[in-house]
Amino acid sequence: MKAVFKSGGKQYIVSVGDVVYLEKLANKEGDKVVFSEVLMLDSKVGNPYVSGAKVEGKVLKHGKQKKIRVYKYKQKSRSNRLTQGHRQPYTKVEITKIG
């Protein structure tokens, strides 16, 4: 059974047992998390959400992704050169139940 759900402004397609990296959630490690904004369940499509459907998961860990470098540069002006780093926080979730 597959489902498409929405979390953090993004859509994810999952099945039971999948491990998904989501935008950081407020839940603690080991907690159960329920996603009620299910857009599609197998071939059943909702408008906009499938009524009564939910995806349950278990929070495995929180962390930060690999660092990326952001360069800002404006031509012909030496004062506007800027280098920044960014690490996006994430939550690792294992999908336990779809229903």
Protein backbone atom coordinates (compact mmCIF):
# COMPACT_ATOMS: atom_id res chain seq x y z
CA MET A 1 0.00 0.00 0.00
CA LYS A 2 1.37 3.41 -0.98
CA ALA A 3 0.36 6.86 0.17
CA VAL A 4 1.21 10.46 -0.67
CA PHE A 5 1.20 12.84 2.29
CA LYS A 6 2.14 16.46 2.87
CA SER A 7 4.59 17.68 5.52
CA GLY A 8 6.50 20.93 5.72
CA GLY A 9 5.17 22.18 2.38
CA LYS A 10 6.47 19.12 0.52
CA GLN A 11 4.81 15.92 -0.67
CA TYR A 12 6.23 12.46 0.00
CA ILE A 13 5.26 9.08 -1.50
CA VAL A 14 5.78 6.26 1.01
CA SER A 15 4.91 2.68 1.86
CA VAL A 16 5.14 0.80 5.15
CA GLY A 17 8.74 0.36 6.32
CA ASP A 18 10.16 3.31 4.36
CA VAL A 19 12.55 5.74 6.03
CA VAL A 20 11.96 9.39 5.09
CA TYR A 21 13.95 12.55 5.82
CA LEU A 22 11.50 15.38 6.55
CA GLU A 23 11.88 19.01 7.50
CA LYS A 24 12.47 19.28 11.24
CA LEU A 25 9.48 18.28 13.39
CA ALA A 26 8.86 19.25 17.03
CA ASN A 27 8.48 15.62 18.18
CA LYS A 28 11.16 13.91 20.30
CA GLU A 29 13.13 10.84 19.26
CA GLY A 30 11.11 7.65 19.70
CA ASP A 31 7.76 9.48 19.59
CA LYS A 32 4.92 8.50 17.29
CA VAL A 33 3.97 11.07 14.64
CA VAL A 34 0.71 11.10 12.65
CA PHE A 35 0.28 12.80 9.27
CA SER A 36 -3.39 13.46 8.54
CA GLU A 37 -2.91 15.45 5.32
CA VAL A 38 -2.99 12.44 2.98
CA LEU A 39 -3.37 13.41 -0.69
CA MET A 40 -3.56 9.92 -2.20
CA LEU A 41 -4.00 6.41 -0.82
CA ASP A 42 -3.18 3.68 -3.39
CA SER A 43 -5.32 4.90 -6.31
CA LYS A 44 -7.88 6.75 -4.20
CA VAL A 45 -7.38 10.49 -4.77
CA GLY A 46 -8.79 13.10 -2.39
CA ASN A 47 -10.01 16.61 -3.06
CA PRO A 48 -7.72 17.99 -1.61
CA TYR A 49 -7.24 15.34 1.12
CA VAL A 50 -8.49 11.76 1.50
CA SER A 51 -11.01 11.82 4.34
CA GLY A 52 -10.24 9.56 7.29
CA ALA A 53 -6.81 8.53 5.99
CA LYS A 54 -3.62 8.93 8.00
CA VAL A 55 0.02 7.92 7.87
CA GLU A 56 1.77 7.00 11.11
CA GLY A 57 5.49 6.94 11.73
CA LYS A 58 8.16 6.80 14.41
CA VAL A 59 10.79 9.53 14.84
CA LEU A 60 14.23 7.90 14.63
CA LYS A 61 16.50 10.93 14.99
CA HIS A 62 17.04 14.63 14.41
CA GLY A 63 20.08 16.06 12.68
CA LYS A 64 21.55 18.46 10.18
CA GLN A 65 22.39 17.79 6.56
CA LYS A 66 25.77 18.28 4.93
CA LYS A 67 26.97 21.89 4.81
CA ILE A 68 26.53 23.82 1.58
CA ARG A 69 28.35 27.01 0.62
CA VAL A 70 26.41 30.04 -0.57
CA TYR A 71 28.33 32.68 -2.53
CA LYS A 72 27.00 36.15 -3.20
CA TYR A 73 28.93 38.25 -5.66
CA LYS A 74 28.28 41.51 -7.45
CA GLN A 75 30.42 42.34 -10.43
CA LYS A 76 32.69 45.42 -10.29
CA SER A 77 32.23 46.11 -6.59
CA ARG A 78 34.79 44.63 -4.24
CA SER A 79 32.76 45.21 -1.09
CA ASN A 80 29.86 42.90 -2.00
CA ARG A 81 31.52 39.48 -1.83
CA LEU A 82 29.91 37.24 0.75
CA THR A 83 30.33 33.57 1.64
CA GLN A 84 27.84 31.81 3.87
CA GLY A 85 27.35 28.23 4.98
CA HIS A 86 24.01 26.51 5.62
CA ARG A 87 23.03 23.19 7.20
CA GLN A 88 19.35 22.27 6.85
CA PRO A 89 17.85 20.56 9.93
CA TYR A 90 15.92 17.33 9.33
CA THR A 91 13.94 14.63 11.12
CA LYS A 92 14.37 10.97 10.15
CA VAL A 93 11.02 9.12 10.28
CA GLU A 94 10.21 5.44 9.72
CA ILE A 95 6.69 4.81 8.35
CA THR A 96 4.92 2.21 10.51
CA LYS A 97 1.28 2.26 9.43
CA ILE A 98 -0.88 3.54 6.58
CA GLY A 99 -4.64 3.58 6.99
